[in-house]
Amino acid sequence: MSEIKVPAMGESITEGTVSRWMVKEGDTVNQGDVLLELETDKVNIEISAEESGVLEKIIRQEGETVEIGETIGTLSAGAGGGSGAPASQPAATEQKQASVSAPEAPTPPPAPVAVVADSSDSSKTASPSARKLARERGIELDQVQSKDPIGRVYQDDVKSHSTQAAAPSAPPAKAPAASPSAPAAGSSTYTKPVERQRMSRRRATIAKRLVEAQQTAAMLTTFNEVDMTAIMDVRKRRKDKFKEKHEINLGFMSFFTKAVVGALKKFPTINAEIDGEDVVLKKYYDIGIAVSAKEGLVVPVVRDADRLGFAEIEKSIADLASKARSNTLALSDLQGGTFTITNGGTFGSLLSTPILNTPQVGILGMHKIQLRPVAIDAERMENRPMMYIALSYDHRIIDGSEAVRFLVTVKELLEDPESLLIEG
């Protein structure tokens, strides 16, 4: 018998939450089969069987917090599930020789599963207490509406379902007379509807770190606007040939990444972090790109962005965004990062103040491109595609004048896209 342990997942991760068991006790598994999914504050990790055998026992249930190296289950060695299966073969053989009903012999193995599954076993995942309560009240878990973001059923969900199921049958005869005089009895049924959802580990960690960023950094934001006419003209003229040559669309993110790198080279303090009383100036440019995934914001990193061309940046961002949305990012995709870009414009945001991705000391916020009247000179006005940009920065090591000049540099590089090739 071997133990299923929580593997090491990087120095910054010390614990996780059992998100979902893919197999049940008694199931036969092969080496390499996924046993369970473990949720951490950064990525979800699949734990696979190191050998073939039978899942003997699940020690830590779904929703429980586990630490690195902790035993969460046991697996019996041997393909096919150990000695239990061979022992039943002789009996089945004797029955086959003695009786015409012998073909029924293979049905006993599923029997133990059927006993457990009578009232609460289903395709839905549920906590042990929820399964127990469902069995006691004769409720099918498939009929219970979960308030958990990933569909896990808890005891409160079962209680709520039980209350709702009972409500229609009770009121008909007594509702007219009882409703004025029985507020206490009906209070739990007729209170205003609410829905309680449990935070995922990742969402809770994001919340904690955002609050920490606001509490520990002297965060300030400065704004500017960019005339996107030149970039949109370049994209219009070059997008077809670009895609034909590189098999990727020419988006805005490569322009902004290039502009940010160019500005960071002029203002190195914004590409730094604070370590105690030291300022660590980073001589490389790993740019984080904020991506909105199902379970919350993640910031995968484009490595050595200063060494990449437009096509390489676009491909890296597309690959990381795809991984984020399919929940297949590796820890190495998320670690590090010297500066972050976040694009609220994809959701229609016109202006916002992004929060620092600590320990970084700068983050650039992009926003929606919107036609606005712009004064070309004293006599002319034109409608131009304009975008507000925002730089949030840590005022402890970045002066206001430096932040403003950094943002002006980004603006100038974007409004003269050809300069990005020279600066790069």
Protein backbone atom coordinates (compact mmCIF):
# COMPACT_ATOMS: atom_id res chain seq x y z
CA MET A 1 0.00 0.00 0.00
CA SER A 2 1.32 3.45 -0.90
CA GLU A 3 0.42 6.88 0.41
CA ILE A 4 -0.87 9.71 -1.78
CA LYS A 5 0.91 12.85 -0.64
CA VAL A 6 0.62 16.52 -1.49
CA PRO A 7 3.64 17.27 -3.71
CA ALA A 8 5.93 20.28 -3.42
CA MET A 9 4.56 23.06 -5.63
CA GLY A 10 7.12 25.86 -5.41
CA GLU A 11 8.70 27.71 -2.52
CA SER A 12 5.90 30.28 -2.30
CA ILE A 13 3.14 27.67 -1.89
CA THR A 14 2.84 25.83 1.42
CA GLU A 15 -0.73 24.57 1.31
CA GLY A 16 -3.72 23.98 -0.92
CA THR A 17 -7.35 22.91 -0.93
CA VAL A 18 -8.67 19.58 -2.18
CA SER A 19 -10.84 20.84 -5.01
CA ARG A 20 -12.15 17.61 -6.49
CA TRP A 21 -11.49 13.87 -6.27
CA MET A 22 -11.69 12.33 -9.75
CA VAL A 23 -12.07 8.80 -8.38
CA LYS A 24 -13.93 7.17 -5.50
CA GLU A 25 -12.78 4.71 -2.86
CA GLY A 26 -12.59 1.26 -4.40
CA ASP A 27 -11.96 2.52 -7.94
CA THR A 28 -9.18 0.88 -9.93
CA VAL A 29 -6.62 3.31 -11.36
CA ASN A 30 -3.65 3.01 -13.67
CA GLN A 31 -0.29 4.66 -13.25
CA GLY A 32 -0.55 8.24 -14.47
CA ASP A 33 -4.32 8.53 -13.98
CA VAL A 34 -5.44 11.80 -12.36
CA LEU A 35 -6.62 11.13 -8.81
CA LEU A 36 -7.61 14.61 -7.68
CA GLU A 37 -7.33 18.31 -8.35
CA LEU A 38 -5.62 20.52 -5.79
CA GLU A 39 -6.42 24.23 -5.72
CA THR A 40 -3.71 26.68 -4.66
CA ASP A 41 -3.64 30.46 -4.57
CA LYS A 42 -1.89 30.52 -7.95
CA VAL A 43 -2.76 27.47 -10.03
CA ASN A 44 -4.78 24.27 -9.87
CA ILE A 45 -2.62 21.14 -9.87
CA GLU A 46 -3.61 17.61 -10.83
CA ILE A 47 -2.16 14.81 -8.68
CA SER A 48 -1.69 11.55 -10.57
CA ALA A 49 -1.27 7.96 -9.44
CA GLU A 50 2.39 6.95 -9.16
CA GLU A 51 1.45 3.29 -9.65
CA SER A 52 -1.51 1.16 -10.67
CA GLY A 53 -3.87 -0.20 -8.06
CA VAL A 54 -7.05 0.54 -6.12
CA LEU A 55 -7.87 3.71 -4.21
CA GLU A 56 -8.23 2.22 -0.74
CA LYS A 57 -9.04 5.31 1.30
CA ILE A 58 -9.65 9.04 0.88
CA ILE A 59 -8.25 10.70 4.00
CA ARG A 60 -8.80 14.37 3.17
CA GLN A 61 -12.16 15.31 1.68
CA GLU A 62 -13.06 17.95 -0.89
CA GLY A 63 -12.89 21.46 0.52
CA GLU A 64 -10.31 20.59 3.18
CA THR A 65 -7.02 22.49 3.44
CA VAL A 66 -3.89 20.36 3.18
CA GLU A 67 -0.18 21.06 3.56
CA ILE A 68 2.79 20.08 1.43
CA GLY A 69 3.87 16.49 2.20
CA GLU A 70 0.59 15.60 3.94
CA THR A 71 -0.97 12.19 3.24
CA ILE A 72 -4.41 12.65 1.68
CA GLY A 73 -5.20 9.10 0.62
CA THR A 74 -3.89 5.55 0.22
CA LEU A 75 -3.50 3.38 -2.85
CA SER A 76 -3.11 -0.39 -2.88
CA ALA A 77 -0.38 -1.63 -5.19
CA GLY A 78 -0.99 -3.91 -8.14
CA ALA A 79 -2.98 -3.57 -11.34
CA GLY A 80 -6.58 -4.61 -11.07
CA GLY A 81 -6.89 -3.89 -7.38
CA GLY A 82 -5.03 -6.44 -5.27
CA SER A 83 -6.35 -9.59 -3.67
CA GLY A 84 -10.03 -8.65 -3.46
CA ALA A 85 -10.81 -9.32 -7.12
CA PRO A 86 -9.04 -12.72 -7.48
CA ALA A 87 -10.78 -14.04 -4.37
CA SER A 88 -14.17 -13.61 -5.98
CA GLN A 89 -13.19 -15.46 -9.16
CA PRO A 90 -13.35 -19.06 -7.81
CA ALA A 91 -16.78 -18.45 -6.35
CA ALA A 92 -17.99 -17.06 -9.65
CA THR A 93 -16.52 -20.05 -11.50
CA GLU A 94 -18.21 -22.57 -9.18
CA GLN A 95 -21.56 -20.82 -9.61
CA LYS A 96 -21.14 -20.83 -13.35
CA GLN A 97 -20.64 -24.61 -13.32
CA ALA A 98 -23.48 -25.29 -10.89
CA SER A 99 -26.25 -23.02 -12.09
CA VAL A 100 -27.72 -21.52 -15.21
CA SER A 101 -27.90 -18.16 -13.45
CA ALA A 102 -24.11 -17.98 -13.38
CA PRO A 103 -23.95 -14.96 -15.74
CA GLU A 104 -25.39 -12.97 -12.83
CA ALA A 105 -22.14 -13.56 -10.93
CA PRO A 106 -20.30 -10.47 -12.19
CA THR A 107 -22.94 -8.20 -10.62
CA PRO A 108 -21.84 -8.51 -6.94
CA PRO A 109 -18.80 -6.16 -7.28
CA PRO A 110 -20.94 -3.05 -7.95
CA ALA A 111 -23.14 -3.85 -4.93
CA PRO A 112 -21.02 -1.96 -2.34
CA VAL A 113 -21.16 1.15 -4.52
CA ALA A 114 -24.93 0.88 -4.92
CA VAL A 115 -25.44 0.84 -1.16
CA VAL A 116 -23.56 4.11 -0.69
CA ALA A 117 -25.11 5.77 -3.72
CA ASP A 118 -28.73 5.09 -2.79
CA SER A 119 -29.74 8.64 -1.82
CA SER A 120 -26.71 10.89 -1.86
CA ASP A 121 -24.16 9.59 -4.38
CA SER A 122 -24.33 11.40 -7.68
CA SER A 123 -22.29 13.19 -10.28
CA LYS A 124 -22.13 16.21 -7.96
CA THR A 125 -19.30 16.58 -5.47
CA ALA A 126 -20.36 17.13 -1.89
CA SER A 127 -18.93 17.38 1.60
CA PRO A 128 -19.31 14.32 3.89
CA SER A 129 -21.76 16.19 6.14
CA ALA A 130 -23.88 17.13 3.13
CA ARG A 131 -24.01 13.53 1.91
CA LYS A 132 -24.99 12.31 5.37
CA LEU A 133 -27.79 14.87 5.71
CA ALA A 134 -29.04 14.09 2.21
CA ARG A 135 -29.25 10.38 3.06
CA GLU A 136 -31.12 11.11 6.30
CA ARG A 137 -33.69 13.30 4.52
CA GLY A 138 -33.96 11.16 1.40
CA ILE A 139 -32.75 13.92 -0.93
CA GLU A 140 -30.99 13.32 -4.24
CA LEU A 141 -27.87 15.49 -4.47
CA ASP A 142 -28.48 16.05 -8.19
CA GLN A 143 -31.58 18.07 -7.20
CA VAL A 144 -29.71 20.29 -4.72
CA GLN A 145 -28.67 23.71 -5.99
CA SER A 146 -25.10 24.53 -4.92
CA LYS A 147 -23.99 28.01 -3.95
CA ASP A 148 -20.32 27.09 -4.36
CA PRO A 149 -18.56 28.60 -7.41
CA ILE A 150 -17.35 25.20 -8.57
CA GLY A 151 -20.58 23.36 -7.82
CA ARG A 152 -19.63 21.60 -4.58
CA VAL A 153 -22.64 20.84 -2.33
CA TYR A 154 -22.44 21.68 1.37
CA GLN A 155 -24.69 20.97 4.36
CA ASP A 156 -26.34 24.42 4.15
CA ASP A 157 -27.29 23.72 0.52
CA VAL A 158 -29.07 20.52 1.54
CA LYS A 159 -30.88 22.32 4.38
CA SER A 160 -31.94 25.09 2.04
CA HIS A 161 -33.23 22.57 -0.50
CA SER A 162 -35.14 20.75 2.21
CA THR A 163 -36.81 24.00 3.35
CA GLN A 164 -37.79 24.98 -0.18
CA ALA A 165 -39.17 21.52 -0.93
CA ALA A 166 -41.34 21.64 2.18
CA ALA A 167 -42.61 25.17 1.65
CA PRO A 168 -45.13 24.55 -1.19
CA SER A 169 -46.96 21.75 0.62
CA ALA A 170 -47.47 23.60 3.92
CA PRO A 171 -49.02 26.97 3.01
CA PRO A 172 -52.10 26.07 0.86
CA ALA A 173 -54.60 25.30 3.63
CA LYS A 174 -53.31 27.65 6.36
CA ALA A 175 -51.64 30.45 4.48
CA PRO A 176 -54.55 32.98 4.65
CA ALA A 177 -55.08 32.59 8.39
CA ALA A 178 -51.54 31.91 9.53
CA SER A 179 -49.55 34.54 7.64
CA PRO A 180 -50.58 37.57 9.78
CA SER A 181 -50.11 35.83 13.13
CA ALA A 182 -47.09 33.63 12.53
CA PRO A 183 -44.16 35.80 11.48
CA ALA A 184 -41.72 33.73 13.53
CA ALA A 185 -42.63 30.44 11.91
CA GLY A 186 -42.51 31.88 8.42
CA SER A 187 -39.54 34.19 8.89
CA SER A 188 -36.94 31.75 7.55
CA THR A 189 -39.10 31.00 4.52
CA TYR A 190 -40.12 34.52 3.59
CA THR A 191 -36.91 36.44 4.26
CA LYS A 192 -35.42 38.28 1.31
CA PRO A 193 -33.44 35.94 -0.91
CA VAL A 194 -29.67 35.86 -0.59
CA GLU A 195 -26.98 33.63 -2.00
CA ARG A 196 -23.88 32.77 0.00
CA GLN A 197 -20.83 31.66 -1.95
CA ARG A 198 -17.61 30.34 -0.53
CA MET A 199 -14.50 32.12 -1.76
CA SER A 200 -12.11 29.97 -3.71
CA ARG A 201 -8.58 29.82 -2.33
CA ARG A 202 -7.35 31.90 -5.26
CA ARG A 203 -10.02 34.58 -4.82
CA ALA A 204 -9.30 34.79 -1.08
CA THR A 205 -5.57 35.15 -1.75
CA ILE A 206 -6.17 37.83 -4.38
CA ALA A 207 -8.33 39.75 -1.91
CA LYS A 208 -5.67 39.47 0.79
CA ARG A 209 -2.84 40.63 -1.46
CA LEU A 210 -4.76 43.57 -2.88
CA VAL A 211 -5.50 44.81 0.62
CA GLU A 212 -1.86 44.28 1.60
CA ALA A 213 -0.73 46.28 -1.44
CA GLN A 214 -2.88 49.24 -0.39
CA GLN A 215 -1.77 48.98 3.24
CA THR A 216 1.97 48.55 2.69
CA ALA A 217 2.72 50.72 -0.36
CA ALA A 218 2.40 54.50 -0.68
CA MET A 219 0.32 54.04 -3.81
CA LEU A 220 -0.43 56.96 -6.07
CA THR A 221 -1.83 57.13 -9.63
CA THR A 222 -1.11 59.55 -12.45
CA PHE A 223 -3.03 59.76 -15.73
CA ASN A 224 -2.51 60.73 -19.34
CA GLU A 225 -4.17 60.06 -22.69
CA VAL A 226 -2.91 58.59 -25.92
CA ASP A 227 -3.99 59.41 -29.45
CA MET A 228 -4.24 55.92 -30.97
CA THR A 229 -4.56 57.16 -34.57
CA ALA A 230 -1.04 56.18 -35.64
CA ILE A 231 -1.16 52.70 -34.10
CA MET A 232 -4.56 51.98 -35.59
CA ASP A 233 -3.27 53.13 -38.98
CA VAL A 234 -0.24 50.81 -38.73
CA ARG A 235 -2.44 47.90 -37.72
CA LYS A 236 -4.86 48.56 -40.56
CA ARG A 237 -2.07 48.63 -43.14
CA ARG A 238 0.02 45.79 -41.77
CA LYS A 239 -2.36 43.36 -40.03
CA ASP A 240 -3.00 41.07 -43.04
CA LYS A 241 0.67 40.67 -43.99
CA PHE A 242 1.60 40.35 -40.32
CA LYS A 243 -0.86 37.50 -39.77
CA GLU A 244 0.12 35.81 -43.02
CA LYS A 245 3.79 35.87 -42.03
CA HIS A 246 3.56 35.17 -38.30
CA GLU A 247 0.21 33.34 -37.99
CA ILE A 248 -0.89 35.64 -35.18
CA ASN A 249 -2.95 38.83 -35.07
CA LEU A 250 -1.22 42.16 -34.57
CA GLY A 251 -2.89 43.46 -31.42
CA PHE A 252 -2.40 46.48 -29.18
CA MET A 253 -0.57 44.62 -26.40
CA SER A 254 2.69 44.27 -28.34
CA PHE A 255 2.79 48.06 -28.90
CA PHE A 256 2.14 48.75 -25.22
CA THR A 257 4.66 46.16 -24.07
CA LYS A 258 7.33 47.67 -26.33
CA ALA A 259 6.47 51.19 -25.14
CA VAL A 260 6.62 50.14 -21.47
CA VAL A 261 10.02 48.48 -21.94
CA GLY A 262 11.34 51.60 -23.67
CA ALA A 263 10.11 53.81 -20.82
CA LEU A 264 11.45 51.46 -18.13
CA LYS A 265 14.92 51.70 -19.65
CA LYS A 266 14.77 55.49 -19.18
CA PHE A 267 13.33 55.26 -15.66
CA PRO A 268 14.91 52.16 -14.03
CA THR A 269 13.47 52.85 -10.56
CA ILE A 270 10.03 51.92 -11.88
CA ASN A 271 11.46 48.50 -12.82
CA ALA A 272 12.52 47.81 -9.23
CA GLU A 273 11.29 46.57 -5.87
CA ILE A 274 11.88 47.41 -2.23
CA ASP A 275 13.71 44.86 -0.07
CA GLY A 276 13.87 46.16 3.49
CA GLU A 277 15.85 49.38 3.23
CA ASP A 278 17.33 48.45 -0.16
CA VAL A 279 16.05 49.23 -3.63
CA VAL A 280 16.60 46.31 -6.02
CA LEU A 281 16.99 47.64 -9.58
CA LYS A 282 16.23 44.90 -12.09
CA LYS A 283 18.26 44.85 -15.29
CA TYR A 284 15.79 42.62 -17.10
CA TYR A 285 12.24 43.17 -18.32
CA ASP A 286 9.74 40.45 -17.42
CA ILE A 287 6.37 42.05 -18.09
CA GLY A 288 3.27 40.69 -16.38
CA ILE A 289 0.05 40.76 -18.39
CA ALA A 290 -3.08 40.70 -16.22
CA VAL A 291 -5.64 38.17 -17.47
CA SER A 292 -9.18 37.70 -16.15
CA ALA A 293 -9.76 33.97 -15.64
CA LYS A 294 -12.82 32.16 -14.28
CA GLU A 295 -11.52 31.97 -10.72
CA GLY A 296 -10.01 35.44 -10.60
CA LEU A 297 -7.27 37.66 -11.95
CA VAL A 298 -3.92 36.06 -12.76
CA VAL A 299 -0.76 37.73 -14.04
CA PRO A 300 1.32 35.45 -16.28
CA VAL A 301 4.70 36.85 -17.28
CA VAL A 302 6.23 37.53 -20.71
CA ARG A 303 9.92 36.83 -20.10
CA ASP A 304 12.68 39.08 -21.47
CA ALA A 305 10.20 41.24 -23.35
CA ASP A 306 12.99 43.58 -24.41
CA ARG A 307 14.47 40.80 -26.55
CA LEU A 308 11.23 39.88 -28.29
CA GLY A 309 9.77 41.17 -31.52
CA PHE A 310 6.13 42.16 -32.01
CA ALA A 311 5.12 38.69 -33.23
CA GLU A 312 6.91 36.93 -30.36
CA ILE A 313 5.20 39.16 -27.81
CA GLU A 314 1.77 38.59 -29.38
CA LYS A 315 2.31 34.81 -29.43
CA SER A 316 3.51 34.75 -25.82
CA ILE A 317 0.51 36.76 -24.61
CA ALA A 318 -1.95 34.64 -26.61
CA ASP A 319 -0.43 31.42 -25.24
CA LEU A 320 -0.46 32.64 -21.64
CA ALA A 321 -4.03 33.95 -21.90
CA SER A 322 -5.18 30.61 -23.32
CA LYS A 323 -3.51 28.74 -20.47
CA ALA A 324 -5.06 31.09 -17.91
CA ARG A 325 -8.58 30.56 -19.22
CA SER A 326 -8.15 26.78 -19.44
CA ASN A 327 -6.58 26.71 -15.96
CA THR A 328 -3.35 25.12 -17.22
CA LEU A 329 -0.83 27.77 -16.19
CA ALA A 330 2.32 26.44 -14.56
CA LEU A 331 3.88 28.11 -11.53
CA SER A 332 6.81 29.17 -13.71
CA ASP A 333 4.37 31.18 -15.86
CA LEU A 334 3.35 33.28 -12.85
CA GLN A 335 6.52 33.73 -10.84
CA GLY A 336 8.59 36.90 -10.98
CA GLY A 337 7.65 39.84 -13.14
CA THR A 338 9.15 43.33 -12.92
CA PHE A 339 6.22 45.45 -14.12
CA THR A 340 2.56 44.76 -14.96
CA ILE A 341 0.14 45.89 -17.67
CA THR A 342 -3.60 45.51 -17.18
CA ASN A 343 -6.23 46.24 -19.82
CA GLY A 344 -9.61 47.17 -18.40
CA GLY A 345 -10.59 48.47 -21.81
CA THR A 346 -11.45 44.97 -22.97
CA PHE A 347 -14.44 45.18 -20.60
CA GLY A 348 -15.35 48.75 -21.52
CA SER A 349 -13.58 50.61 -18.70
CA LEU A 350 -12.98 54.25 -19.61
CA LEU A 351 -10.81 55.11 -16.60
CA SER A 352 -9.56 53.30 -13.49
CA THR A 353 -6.78 53.26 -10.89
CA PRO A 354 -5.02 49.87 -11.02
CA ILE A 355 -3.66 48.39 -7.78
CA LEU A 356 0.03 47.44 -7.58
CA ASN A 357 1.02 43.84 -8.12
CA THR A 358 3.44 43.74 -5.18
CA PRO A 359 6.40 43.57 -4.77
CA GLN A 360 6.45 45.46 -8.08
CA VAL A 361 6.34 49.25 -7.75
CA GLY A 362 4.55 50.11 -11.00
CA ILE A 363 1.53 49.02 -13.03
CA LEU A 364 0.12 50.51 -16.24
CA GLY A 365 -3.63 50.54 -16.82
CA MET A 366 -5.00 50.57 -20.37
CA HIS A 367 -8.59 51.57 -21.10
CA LYS A 368 -11.24 51.71 -23.77
CA ILE A 369 -10.45 53.45 -27.07
CA GLN A 370 -13.12 56.07 -27.64
CA LEU A 371 -13.63 58.72 -30.30
CA ARG A 372 -13.36 62.18 -28.75
CA PRO A 373 -13.04 65.66 -30.23
CA VAL A 374 -9.40 66.78 -30.05
CA ALA A 375 -7.98 70.24 -30.78
CA ILE A 376 -5.45 69.84 -33.62
CA ASP A 377 -4.50 73.51 -33.52
CA ALA A 378 -6.12 76.80 -32.62
CA GLU A 379 -8.62 76.52 -35.45
CA ARG A 380 -9.21 72.80 -36.08
CA MET A 381 -10.96 70.04 -34.16
CA GLU A 382 -10.98 66.38 -35.13
CA ASN A 383 -12.53 63.23 -33.75
CA ARG A 384 -9.63 61.00 -32.69
CA PRO A 385 -9.49 57.49 -31.16
CA MET A 386 -8.28 58.32 -27.66
CA MET A 387 -7.31 56.11 -24.73
CA TYR A 388 -6.76 57.12 -21.12
CA ILE A 389 -3.75 55.43 -19.54
CA ALA A 390 -2.97 55.27 -15.81
CA LEU A 391 0.24 54.56 -13.93
CA SER A 392 -0.08 53.46 -10.31
CA TYR A 393 3.27 53.58 -8.53
CA ASP A 394 4.88 53.23 -5.11
CA HIS A 395 5.65 56.76 -3.95
CA ARG A 396 8.19 55.42 -1.44
CA ILE A 397 10.84 55.13 -4.15
CA ILE A 398 9.25 56.82 -7.18
CA ASP A 399 8.84 60.57 -7.20
CA GLY A 400 5.80 62.15 -8.80
CA SER A 401 7.85 63.88 -11.50
CA GLU A 402 9.49 60.59 -12.43
CA ALA A 403 6.12 58.84 -12.69
CA VAL A 404 4.68 61.62 -14.85
CA ARG A 405 7.70 61.60 -17.18
CA PHE A 406 7.52 57.81 -17.46
CA LEU A 407 3.88 58.02 -18.53
CA VAL A 408 4.63 60.83 -20.98
CA THR A 409 7.37 58.64 -22.50
CA VAL A 410 4.89 55.77 -22.93
CA LYS A 411 2.46 58.18 -24.58
CA GLU A 412 5.09 59.55 -26.98
CA LEU A 413 6.29 56.09 -28.01
CA LEU A 414 2.74 54.94 -28.68
CA GLU A 415 1.85 58.00 -30.71
CA ASP A 416 4.96 57.44 -32.86
CA PRO A 417 4.88 53.62 -33.37
CA GLU A 418 7.89 53.61 -35.72
CA SER A 419 10.01 54.81 -32.80
CA LEU A 420 9.27 51.54 -31.01
CA LEU A 421 11.37 49.72 -33.59
CA ILE A 422 14.26 52.12 -33.00
CA GLU A 423 13.91 52.05 -29.19
CA GLY A 424 13.69 48.23 -29.24
